[in-house]
Amino acid sequence: REISLNFNKGDRIGLIGRNGAGKSTLLRVLSGVYEPTTGHIVSSGRISALTDLMLGMDPEANGYEFIVTRGVVMGLTSAQARALTPDIEAFTELGDYLHLPVRTYSSGMLLRLAFAVATAIRTDILLMDEMIGVGDNAFIAKAGRRLEGLMNSVDILVLASHNEDILRKFCNQGILLSEG
């Protein structure tokens, strides 16, 4: 309510606040998932939101179809999404499972695939709701390196987290939210 924000190239914004303060809602407004109830949003550049990783998922789609569908939901053409497939195949280490319907995947496998698609897309503005840890320890370390590289390469980062160490490491400004 009653806020005005300007983000510029190089900004690394931490969203801080208790559960229910409005951090996730603000990220969804910034990403276009929710429309603001008043006012407007003006942005330039590609926005990628690591908030709703399963958005656009068809449980009957196989892993390859999921890659294309999720890529299109994130603003790519089908051809651009298909071009990411080799990188996503290698990163997920899901092998032949990619031929199976995603409804047959464990929750960890599904999150691994969704994370791989989301982080394969180069973007200008990255919106994140907490850090994502998916899979076993080796994969979590691999995912952390990929995510850190993505976070360092974007023009603007907006990160909601309760982890003060993560906020201090990646952010140069903060917004304190309370009760929306």
N, C-alpha and C. Protein backbone atom coordinates (compact mmCIF):
# COMPACT_ATOMS: atom_id res chain seq x y z
N ARG A 1 0.85 -1.18 0.00
CA ARG A 1 0.00 0.00 0.00
C ARG A 1 0.88 1.23 0.00
N GLU A 2 0.54 2.14 -0.89
CA GLU A 2 1.16 3.46 -0.94
C GLU A 2 2.69 3.42 -0.99
N ILE A 3 3.22 2.65 -1.93
CA ILE A 3 4.68 2.64 -2.10
C ILE A 3 5.02 3.02 -3.53
N SER A 4 6.19 3.55 -3.70
CA SER A 4 6.73 3.86 -5.00
C SER A 4 8.17 3.37 -5.00
N LEU A 5 8.53 2.57 -5.98
CA LEU A 5 9.86 1.99 -6.03
C LEU A 5 10.49 2.27 -7.38
N ASN A 6 11.77 2.56 -7.39
CA ASN A 6 12.55 2.69 -8.61
C ASN A 6 13.78 1.80 -8.46
N PHE A 7 13.95 0.88 -9.39
CA PHE A 7 15.12 0.02 -9.40
C PHE A 7 15.95 0.36 -10.62
N ASN A 8 17.26 0.41 -10.45
CA ASN A 8 18.17 0.76 -11.53
C ASN A 8 19.22 -0.33 -11.71
N LYS A 9 19.85 -0.32 -12.87
CA LYS A 9 20.89 -1.29 -13.16
C LYS A 9 21.91 -1.32 -12.03
N GLY A 10 22.23 -2.52 -11.58
CA GLY A 10 23.18 -2.70 -10.49
C GLY A 10 22.52 -2.86 -9.13
N ASP A 11 21.22 -2.58 -9.05
CA ASP A 11 20.52 -2.72 -7.77
C ASP A 11 20.37 -4.20 -7.41
N ARG A 12 20.61 -4.49 -6.16
CA ARG A 12 20.42 -5.81 -5.57
C ARG A 12 19.57 -5.57 -4.33
N ILE A 13 18.27 -5.78 -4.48
CA ILE A 13 17.30 -5.40 -3.45
C ILE A 13 16.91 -6.61 -2.61
N GLY A 14 17.02 -6.49 -1.31
CA GLY A 14 16.55 -7.52 -0.40
C GLY A 14 15.19 -7.12 0.16
N LEU A 15 14.22 -8.02 0.04
CA LEU A 15 12.91 -7.81 0.66
C LEU A 15 12.92 -8.50 2.01
N ILE A 16 12.66 -7.71 3.04
CA ILE A 16 12.79 -8.18 4.42
C ILE A 16 11.44 -8.03 5.10
N GLY A 17 11.09 -8.99 5.93
CA GLY A 17 9.84 -8.90 6.68
C GLY A 17 9.42 -10.27 7.17
N ARG A 18 8.55 -10.26 8.15
CA ARG A 18 8.03 -11.51 8.71
C ARG A 18 7.15 -12.21 7.69
N ASN A 19 6.81 -13.46 7.99
CA ASN A 19 5.84 -14.18 7.17
C ASN A 19 4.55 -13.38 7.13
N GLY A 20 3.98 -13.24 5.92
CA GLY A 20 2.75 -12.49 5.77
C GLY A 20 2.94 -11.00 5.59
N ALA A 21 4.18 -10.54 5.55
CA ALA A 21 4.45 -9.10 5.42
C ALA A 21 4.16 -8.58 4.02
N GLY A 22 4.15 -9.46 3.02
CA GLY A 22 3.87 -9.02 1.65
C GLY A 22 5.03 -9.22 0.68
N LYS A 23 6.08 -9.89 1.10
CA LYS A 23 7.24 -10.08 0.23
C LYS A 23 6.88 -10.85 -1.04
N SER A 24 6.27 -12.00 -0.89
CA SER A 24 5.91 -12.83 -2.05
C SER A 24 4.87 -12.13 -2.91
N THR A 25 3.94 -11.45 -2.29
CA THR A 25 2.92 -10.72 -3.05
C THR A 25 3.57 -9.62 -3.88
N LEU A 26 4.52 -8.88 -3.29
CA LEU A 26 5.21 -7.84 -4.04
C LEU A 26 5.96 -8.44 -5.23
N LEU A 27 6.63 -9.56 -5.02
CA LEU A 27 7.33 -10.21 -6.13
C LEU A 27 6.37 -10.61 -7.24
N ARG A 28 5.20 -11.11 -6.86
CA ARG A 28 4.21 -11.51 -7.87
C ARG A 28 3.66 -10.29 -8.62
N VAL A 29 3.53 -9.17 -7.94
CA VAL A 29 3.10 -7.94 -8.62
C VAL A 29 4.20 -7.49 -9.58
N LEU A 30 5.44 -7.50 -9.11
CA LEU A 30 6.55 -7.09 -9.97
C LEU A 30 6.70 -7.98 -11.20
N SER A 31 6.38 -9.27 -11.05
CA SER A 31 6.53 -10.21 -12.16
C SER A 31 5.35 -10.19 -13.12
N GLY A 32 4.26 -9.56 -12.70
CA GLY A 32 3.08 -9.51 -13.56
C GLY A 32 2.08 -10.61 -13.29
N VAL A 33 2.34 -11.49 -12.33
CA VAL A 33 1.38 -12.53 -11.97
C VAL A 33 0.14 -11.90 -11.37
N TYR A 34 0.33 -10.88 -10.51
CA TYR A 34 -0.78 -10.11 -9.93
C TYR A 34 -0.73 -8.70 -10.52
N GLU A 35 -1.89 -8.14 -10.75
CA GLU A 35 -1.95 -6.73 -11.14
C GLU A 35 -2.01 -5.88 -9.88
N PRO A 36 -1.36 -4.70 -9.90
CA PRO A 36 -1.48 -3.82 -8.74
C PRO A 36 -2.93 -3.35 -8.60
N THR A 37 -3.41 -3.22 -7.37
CA THR A 37 -4.79 -2.77 -7.17
C THR A 37 -4.93 -1.29 -7.50
N THR A 38 -3.87 -0.53 -7.33
CA THR A 38 -3.83 0.87 -7.77
C THR A 38 -2.44 1.12 -8.33
N GLY A 39 -2.31 2.15 -9.09
CA GLY A 39 -1.01 2.50 -9.64
C GLY A 39 -0.64 1.62 -10.82
N HIS A 40 0.66 1.62 -11.13
CA HIS A 40 1.11 0.87 -12.29
C HIS A 40 2.58 0.49 -12.15
N ILE A 41 2.99 -0.42 -13.01
CA ILE A 41 4.38 -0.86 -13.05
C ILE A 41 4.92 -0.58 -14.45
N VAL A 42 6.09 0.01 -14.50
CA VAL A 42 6.77 0.26 -15.76
C VAL A 42 8.12 -0.45 -15.66
N SER A 43 8.42 -1.26 -16.64
CA SER A 43 9.71 -1.95 -16.61
C SER A 43 10.26 -2.05 -18.01
N SER A 44 11.57 -2.19 -18.10
CA SER A 44 12.21 -2.47 -19.38
C SER A 44 13.19 -3.60 -19.16
N GLY A 45 13.22 -4.51 -20.08
CA GLY A 45 14.07 -5.68 -19.94
C GLY A 45 13.25 -6.91 -19.61
N ARG A 46 13.85 -8.06 -19.80
CA ARG A 46 13.20 -9.34 -19.53
C ARG A 46 13.20 -9.60 -18.03
N ILE A 47 12.03 -9.94 -17.52
CA ILE A 47 11.88 -10.27 -16.10
C ILE A 47 11.73 -11.77 -15.96
N SER A 48 12.49 -12.36 -15.06
CA SER A 48 12.36 -13.77 -14.75
C SER A 48 12.08 -13.89 -13.26
N ALA A 49 11.06 -14.66 -12.93
CA ALA A 49 10.68 -14.82 -11.53
C ALA A 49 10.89 -16.26 -11.09
N LEU A 50 11.75 -16.46 -10.12
CA LEU A 50 11.92 -17.77 -9.51
C LEU A 50 11.00 -17.81 -8.29
N THR A 51 9.72 -17.67 -8.55
CA THR A 51 8.74 -17.67 -7.47
C THR A 51 7.76 -18.82 -7.63
N ASP A 52 7.20 -18.98 -8.79
CA ASP A 52 6.21 -20.02 -9.05
C ASP A 52 6.79 -20.97 -10.09
N LEU A 53 7.71 -21.84 -9.66
CA LEU A 53 8.45 -22.69 -10.57
C LEU A 53 7.57 -23.66 -11.35
N MET A 54 6.39 -23.97 -10.84
CA MET A 54 5.55 -24.95 -11.49
C MET A 54 4.47 -24.31 -12.37
N LEU A 55 4.47 -23.00 -12.48
CA LEU A 55 3.49 -22.30 -13.29
C LEU A 55 3.54 -22.79 -14.74
N GLY A 56 2.38 -23.16 -15.28
CA GLY A 56 2.30 -23.63 -16.65
C GLY A 56 2.55 -25.10 -16.82
N MET A 57 2.66 -25.84 -15.74
CA MET A 57 2.99 -27.26 -15.83
C MET A 57 1.77 -28.11 -16.17
N ASP A 58 1.92 -28.99 -17.15
CA ASP A 58 0.92 -30.00 -17.50
C ASP A 58 1.45 -31.33 -16.96
N PRO A 59 0.78 -31.95 -15.99
CA PRO A 59 1.30 -33.18 -15.40
C PRO A 59 1.45 -34.34 -16.39
N GLU A 60 0.74 -34.27 -17.50
CA GLU A 60 0.83 -35.34 -18.51
C GLU A 60 1.99 -35.12 -19.48
N ALA A 61 2.56 -33.93 -19.49
CA ALA A 61 3.68 -33.64 -20.39
C ALA A 61 4.92 -34.39 -19.94
N ASN A 62 5.73 -34.80 -20.91
CA ASN A 62 7.01 -35.40 -20.51
C ASN A 62 7.98 -34.27 -20.18
N GLY A 63 9.18 -34.62 -19.74
CA GLY A 63 10.15 -33.62 -19.33
C GLY A 63 10.52 -32.65 -20.44
N TYR A 64 10.65 -33.17 -21.67
CA TYR A 64 11.00 -32.31 -22.80
C TYR A 64 9.89 -31.32 -23.11
N GLU A 65 8.65 -31.80 -23.04
CA GLU A 65 7.52 -30.91 -23.28
C GLU A 65 7.41 -29.86 -22.16
N PHE A 66 7.72 -30.28 -20.95
CA PHE A 66 7.72 -29.35 -19.82
C PHE A 66 8.72 -28.23 -20.06
N ILE A 67 9.90 -28.57 -20.57
CA ILE A 67 10.94 -27.57 -20.83
C ILE A 67 10.41 -26.50 -21.78
N VAL A 68 9.77 -26.93 -22.86
CA VAL A 68 9.26 -25.98 -23.84
C VAL A 68 8.12 -25.15 -23.26
N THR A 69 7.16 -25.82 -22.59
CA THR A 69 6.01 -25.11 -22.02
C THR A 69 6.46 -24.09 -21.00
N ARG A 70 7.34 -24.49 -20.10
CA ARG A 70 7.81 -23.59 -19.05
C ARG A 70 8.60 -22.43 -19.66
N GLY A 71 9.40 -22.72 -20.68
CA GLY A 71 10.15 -21.67 -21.36
C GLY A 71 9.23 -20.65 -22.00
N VAL A 72 8.16 -21.13 -22.64
CA VAL A 72 7.19 -20.22 -23.27
C VAL A 72 6.50 -19.38 -22.21
N VAL A 73 6.12 -20.00 -21.07
CA VAL A 73 5.50 -19.26 -19.97
C VAL A 73 6.43 -18.16 -19.48
N MET A 74 7.73 -18.41 -19.56
CA MET A 74 8.72 -17.43 -19.10
C MET A 74 9.11 -16.44 -20.19
N GLY A 75 8.41 -16.47 -21.34
CA GLY A 75 8.61 -15.43 -22.34
C GLY A 75 9.44 -15.80 -23.55
N LEU A 76 9.84 -17.06 -23.68
CA LEU A 76 10.62 -17.49 -24.83
C LEU A 76 9.70 -17.98 -25.95
N THR A 77 10.23 -18.07 -27.14
CA THR A 77 9.52 -18.76 -28.21
C THR A 77 9.76 -20.26 -28.01
N SER A 78 8.98 -21.08 -28.68
CA SER A 78 9.17 -22.54 -28.59
C SER A 78 10.57 -22.92 -29.05
N ALA A 79 11.04 -22.30 -30.13
CA ALA A 79 12.38 -22.61 -30.64
C ALA A 79 13.46 -22.23 -29.64
N GLN A 80 13.32 -21.07 -29.00
CA GLN A 80 14.30 -20.65 -27.99
C GLN A 80 14.30 -21.62 -26.81
N ALA A 81 13.12 -22.05 -26.39
CA ALA A 81 13.02 -22.99 -25.27
C ALA A 81 13.65 -24.33 -25.64
N ARG A 82 13.38 -24.81 -26.85
CA ARG A 82 13.98 -26.09 -27.29
C ARG A 82 15.51 -25.99 -27.34
N ALA A 83 16.02 -24.82 -27.70
CA ALA A 83 17.47 -24.63 -27.78
C ALA A 83 18.15 -24.77 -26.41
N LEU A 84 17.39 -24.59 -25.34
CA LEU A 84 17.94 -24.73 -23.98
C LEU A 84 18.01 -26.18 -23.53
N THR A 85 17.36 -27.08 -24.26
CA THR A 85 17.21 -28.47 -23.83
C THR A 85 18.55 -29.15 -23.51
N PRO A 86 19.58 -29.06 -24.35
CA PRO A 86 20.84 -29.75 -24.01
C PRO A 86 21.42 -29.30 -22.66
N ASP A 87 21.40 -28.01 -22.40
CA ASP A 87 21.90 -27.49 -21.13
C ASP A 87 21.06 -28.03 -19.97
N ILE A 88 19.75 -28.05 -20.12
CA ILE A 88 18.86 -28.51 -19.06
C ILE A 88 19.02 -30.00 -18.84
N GLU A 89 19.14 -30.77 -19.92
CA GLU A 89 19.38 -32.22 -19.81
C GLU A 89 20.63 -32.49 -18.98
N ALA A 90 21.70 -31.81 -19.33
CA ALA A 90 22.98 -32.03 -18.63
C ALA A 90 22.89 -31.59 -17.17
N PHE A 91 22.26 -30.45 -16.94
CA PHE A 91 22.21 -29.93 -15.59
C PHE A 91 21.36 -30.80 -14.66
N THR A 92 20.21 -31.25 -15.14
CA THR A 92 19.28 -32.00 -14.28
C THR A 92 19.76 -33.41 -13.97
N GLU A 93 20.53 -34.00 -14.89
CA GLU A 93 20.98 -35.38 -14.75
C GLU A 93 19.79 -36.34 -14.65
N LEU A 94 18.66 -35.99 -15.28
CA LEU A 94 17.47 -36.84 -15.22
C LEU A 94 17.46 -37.93 -16.29
N GLY A 95 18.31 -37.83 -17.28
CA GLY A 95 18.45 -38.89 -18.29
C GLY A 95 17.13 -39.29 -18.93
N ASP A 96 16.86 -40.61 -18.94
CA ASP A 96 15.67 -41.15 -19.61
C ASP A 96 14.37 -40.72 -18.95
N TYR A 97 14.42 -40.23 -17.73
CA TYR A 97 13.20 -39.76 -17.07
C TYR A 97 12.55 -38.61 -17.85
N LEU A 98 13.35 -37.88 -18.62
CA LEU A 98 12.81 -36.77 -19.39
C LEU A 98 11.80 -37.23 -20.45
N HIS A 99 11.80 -38.52 -20.77
CA HIS A 99 10.83 -39.07 -21.72
C HIS A 99 9.51 -39.42 -21.05
N LEU A 100 9.47 -39.41 -19.72
CA LEU A 100 8.28 -39.82 -18.97
C LEU A 100 7.42 -38.62 -18.60
N PRO A 101 6.10 -38.85 -18.36
CA PRO A 101 5.25 -37.75 -17.88
C PRO A 101 5.76 -37.21 -16.55
N VAL A 102 5.73 -35.90 -16.38
CA VAL A 102 6.26 -35.31 -15.15
C VAL A 102 5.44 -35.72 -13.92
N ARG A 103 4.19 -36.20 -14.11
CA ARG A 103 3.40 -36.67 -12.97
C ARG A 103 4.05 -37.89 -12.31
N THR A 104 4.95 -38.58 -13.03
CA THR A 104 5.62 -39.75 -12.47
C THR A 104 6.89 -39.37 -11.71
N TYR A 105 7.30 -38.12 -11.75
CA TYR A 105 8.53 -37.67 -11.09
C TYR A 105 8.31 -37.55 -9.59
N SER A 106 9.36 -37.75 -8.85
CA SER A 106 9.32 -37.41 -7.42
C SER A 106 9.28 -35.89 -7.32
N SER A 107 8.93 -35.37 -6.17
CA SER A 107 8.89 -33.91 -6.02
C SER A 107 10.28 -33.31 -6.23
N GLY A 108 11.32 -34.00 -5.80
CA GLY A 108 12.68 -33.51 -5.99
C GLY A 108 13.07 -33.46 -7.45
N MET A 109 12.67 -34.48 -8.23
CA MET A 109 12.97 -34.50 -9.65
C MET A 109 12.25 -33.36 -10.37
N LEU A 110 11.00 -33.15 -10.00
CA LEU A 110 10.20 -32.10 -10.63
C LEU A 110 10.77 -30.71 -10.31
N LEU A 111 11.15 -30.49 -9.06
CA LEU A 111 11.75 -29.21 -8.69
C LEU A 111 13.10 -29.02 -9.39
N ARG A 112 13.85 -30.10 -9.53
CA ARG A 112 15.13 -30.03 -10.22
C ARG A 112 14.93 -29.58 -11.67
N LEU A 113 13.93 -30.16 -12.34
CA LEU A 113 13.65 -29.79 -13.73
C LEU A 113 13.16 -28.35 -13.84
N ALA A 114 12.22 -27.97 -12.99
CA ALA A 114 11.69 -26.60 -13.03
C ALA A 114 12.79 -25.59 -12.73
N PHE A 115 13.65 -25.89 -11.76
CA PHE A 115 14.77 -25.01 -11.42
C PHE A 115 15.72 -24.87 -12.60
N ALA A 116 16.03 -25.98 -13.26
CA ALA A 116 16.96 -25.97 -14.38
C ALA A 116 16.44 -25.10 -15.52
N VAL A 117 15.13 -25.21 -15.81
CA VAL A 117 14.55 -24.38 -16.87
C VAL A 117 14.62 -22.91 -16.47
N ALA A 118 14.20 -22.61 -15.26
CA ALA A 118 14.15 -21.22 -14.80
C ALA A 118 15.53 -20.57 -14.80
N THR A 119 16.55 -21.32 -14.48
CA THR A 119 17.89 -20.73 -14.39
C THR A 119 18.67 -20.81 -15.69
N ALA A 120 18.13 -21.51 -16.70
CA ALA A 120 18.79 -21.57 -18.01
C ALA A 120 18.50 -20.32 -18.83
N ILE A 121 17.46 -19.60 -18.47
CA ILE A 121 17.03 -18.43 -19.23
C ILE A 121 17.78 -17.19 -18.72
N ARG A 122 18.50 -16.54 -19.62
CA ARG A 122 19.20 -15.31 -19.25
C ARG A 122 18.21 -14.17 -19.21
N THR A 123 18.32 -13.36 -18.21
CA THR A 123 17.33 -12.32 -17.97
C THR A 123 18.00 -11.03 -17.55
N ASP A 124 17.23 -9.94 -17.56
CA ASP A 124 17.73 -8.65 -17.12
C ASP A 124 17.38 -8.39 -15.65
N ILE A 125 16.18 -8.81 -15.28
CA ILE A 125 15.66 -8.58 -13.93
C ILE A 125 15.28 -9.92 -13.34
N LEU A 126 15.84 -10.26 -12.20
CA LEU A 126 15.57 -11.55 -11.55
C LEU A 126 14.85 -11.30 -10.24
N LEU A 127 13.70 -11.94 -10.09
CA LEU A 127 12.90 -11.88 -8.87
C LEU A 127 12.95 -13.25 -8.21
N MET A 128 13.34 -13.29 -6.94
CA MET A 128 13.47 -14.57 -6.24
C MET A 128 12.79 -14.54 -4.89
N ASP A 129 12.11 -15.62 -4.58
CA ASP A 129 11.46 -15.80 -3.29
C ASP A 129 12.22 -16.89 -2.55
N GLU A 130 13.10 -16.51 -1.67
CA GLU A 130 13.98 -17.41 -0.94
C GLU A 130 14.95 -18.10 -1.89
N MET A 131 15.99 -18.67 -1.35
CA MET A 131 16.94 -19.46 -2.13
C MET A 131 16.32 -20.84 -2.28
N ILE A 132 16.63 -21.49 -3.38
CA ILE A 132 16.03 -22.77 -3.68
C ILE A 132 17.06 -23.87 -3.46
N GLY A 133 16.73 -24.85 -2.62
CA GLY A 133 17.58 -26.01 -2.43
C GLY A 133 16.82 -27.24 -2.85
N VAL A 134 17.25 -27.89 -3.93
CA VAL A 134 16.55 -29.06 -4.44
C VAL A 134 17.53 -30.20 -4.65
N GLY A 135 17.15 -31.39 -4.18
CA GLY A 135 17.94 -32.58 -4.45
C GLY A 135 18.91 -32.91 -3.34
N ASP A 136 19.84 -33.81 -3.68
CA ASP A 136 20.85 -34.26 -2.73
C ASP A 136 21.91 -33.18 -2.55
N ASN A 137 22.84 -33.43 -1.64
CA ASN A 137 23.86 -32.42 -1.32
C ASN A 137 24.69 -32.01 -2.52
N ALA A 138 25.07 -32.98 -3.36
CA ALA A 138 25.88 -32.66 -4.53
C ALA A 138 25.10 -31.77 -5.49
N PHE A 139 23.81 -32.08 -5.69
CA PHE A 139 23.02 -31.26 -6.61
C PHE A 139 22.75 -29.89 -6.01
N ILE A 140 22.53 -29.81 -4.70
CA ILE A 140 22.30 -28.51 -4.06
C ILE A 140 23.51 -27.60 -4.28
N ALA A 141 24.72 -28.16 -4.15
CA ALA A 141 25.93 -27.36 -4.38
C ALA A 141 26.00 -26.90 -5.84
N LYS A 142 25.69 -27.81 -6.76
CA LYS A 142 25.69 -27.48 -8.19
C LYS A 142 24.65 -26.40 -8.50
N ALA A 143 23.46 -26.54 -7.91
CA ALA A 143 22.39 -25.56 -8.11
C ALA A 143 22.79 -24.21 -7.53
N GLY A 144 23.45 -24.23 -6.38
CA GLY A 144 23.90 -22.99 -5.74
C GLY A 144 24.87 -22.22 -6.62
N ARG A 145 25.80 -22.95 -7.24
CA ARG A 145 26.76 -22.29 -8.14
C ARG A 145 26.05 -21.68 -9.35
N ARG A 146 25.10 -22.44 -9.90
CA ARG A 146 24.36 -21.94 -11.07
C ARG A 146 23.54 -20.71 -10.71
N LEU A 147 22.88 -20.77 -9.56
CA LEU A 147 22.05 -19.67 -9.11
C LEU A 147 22.89 -18.44 -8.80
N GLU A 148 24.02 -18.63 -8.16
CA GLU A 148 24.89 -17.50 -7.84
C GLU A 148 25.39 -16.83 -9.12
N GLY A 149 25.75 -17.62 -10.12
CA GLY A 149 26.16 -17.05 -11.40
C GLY A 149 25.06 -16.24 -12.05
N LEU A 150 23.83 -16.76 -12.00
CA LEU A 150 22.69 -16.05 -12.56
C LEU A 150 22.44 -14.75 -11.81
N MET A 151 22.47 -14.81 -10.49
CA MET A 151 22.22 -13.63 -9.67
C MET A 151 23.26 -12.54 -9.92
N ASN A 152 24.50 -12.95 -10.16
CA ASN A 152 25.56 -11.97 -10.41
C ASN A 152 25.52 -11.39 -11.82
N SER A 153 24.83 -12.07 -12.74
CA SER A 153 24.84 -11.62 -14.14
C SER A 153 23.66 -10.71 -14.51
N VAL A 154 22.64 -10.64 -13.68
CA VAL A 154 21.47 -9.84 -14.03
C VAL A 154 21.71 -8.36 -13.74
N ASP A 155 20.91 -7.52 -14.41
CA ASP A 155 21.00 -6.08 -14.17
C ASP A 155 20.41 -5.70 -12.81
N ILE A 156 19.27 -6.31 -12.48
CA ILE A 156 18.57 -6.01 -11.23
C ILE A 156 18.15 -7.32 -10.57
N LEU A 157 18.38 -7.42 -9.27
CA LEU A 157 17.96 -8.58 -8.48
C LEU A 157 17.05 -8.10 -7.36
N VAL A 158 15.90 -8.77 -7.21
CA VAL A 158 15.02 -8.53 -6.07
C VAL A 158 14.85 -9.87 -5.39
N LEU A 159 15.31 -9.98 -4.15
CA LEU A 159 15.37 -11.24 -3.43
C LEU A 159 14.65 -11.13 -2.10
N ALA A 160 13.64 -11.97 -1.91
CA ALA A 160 12.95 -12.05 -0.62
C ALA A 160 13.56 -13.21 0.16
N SER A 161 13.94 -12.95 1.40
CA SER A 161 14.53 -14.01 2.20
C SER A 161 14.45 -13.67 3.68
N HIS A 162 14.46 -14.71 4.49
CA HIS A 162 14.57 -14.55 5.94
C HIS A 162 16.02 -14.74 6.39
N ASN A 163 16.89 -15.15 5.47
CA ASN A 163 18.27 -15.46 5.79
C ASN A 163 19.13 -14.21 5.65
N GLU A 164 19.54 -13.66 6.78
CA GLU A 164 20.31 -12.41 6.78
C GLU A 164 21.64 -12.56 6.07
N ASP A 165 22.30 -13.72 6.20
CA ASP A 165 23.58 -13.93 5.53
C ASP A 165 23.44 -13.87 4.01
N ILE A 166 22.40 -14.48 3.47
CA ILE A 166 22.15 -14.45 2.03
C ILE A 166 21.86 -13.03 1.57
N LEU A 167 21.03 -12.32 2.33
CA LEU A 167 20.71 -10.94 1.96
C LEU A 167 21.95 -10.06 1.97
N ARG A 168 22.80 -10.22 2.97
CA ARG A 168 24.03 -9.43 3.04
C ARG A 168 24.99 -9.78 1.89
N LYS A 169 25.02 -11.06 1.52
CA LYS A 169 25.94 -11.50 0.46
C LYS A 169 25.53 -10.97 -0.91
N PHE A 170 24.23 -10.97 -1.21
CA PHE A 170 23.79 -10.67 -2.56
C PHE A 170 23.15 -9.29 -2.74
N CYS A 171 22.78 -8.62 -1.67
CA CYS A 171 22.00 -7.39 -1.81
C CYS A 171 22.80 -6.17 -1.35
N ASN A 172 22.52 -5.02 -2.00
CA ASN A 172 23.14 -3.77 -1.59
C ASN A 172 22.13 -2.76 -1.06
N GLN A 173 20.83 -3.14 -1.06
CA GLN A 173 19.78 -2.31 -0.51
C GLN A 173 18.70 -3.24 0.05
N GLY A 174 17.87 -2.69 0.91
CA GLY A 174 16.79 -3.48 1.46
C GLY A 174 15.49 -2.70 1.56
N ILE A 175 14.40 -3.45 1.50
CA ILE A 175 13.06 -2.88 1.70
C ILE A 175 12.43 -3.68 2.83
N LEU A 176 12.05 -3.00 3.89
CA LEU A 176 11.39 -3.65 5.02
C LEU A 176 9.88 -3.56 4.83
N LEU A 177 9.23 -4.72 4.77
CA LEU A 177 7.79 -4.78 4.60
C LEU A 177 7.14 -5.21 5.92
N SER A 178 5.97 -4.66 6.18
CA SER A 178 5.22 -5.02 7.38
C SER A 178 3.74 -4.97 7.06
N GLU A 179 3.06 -6.08 7.21
CA GLU A 179 1.62 -6.17 7.01
C GLU A 179 1.17 -5.58 5.68
N GLY A 180 1.89 -5.94 4.62
CA GLY A 180 1.52 -5.50 3.27
C GLY A 180 1.95 -4.08 3.00
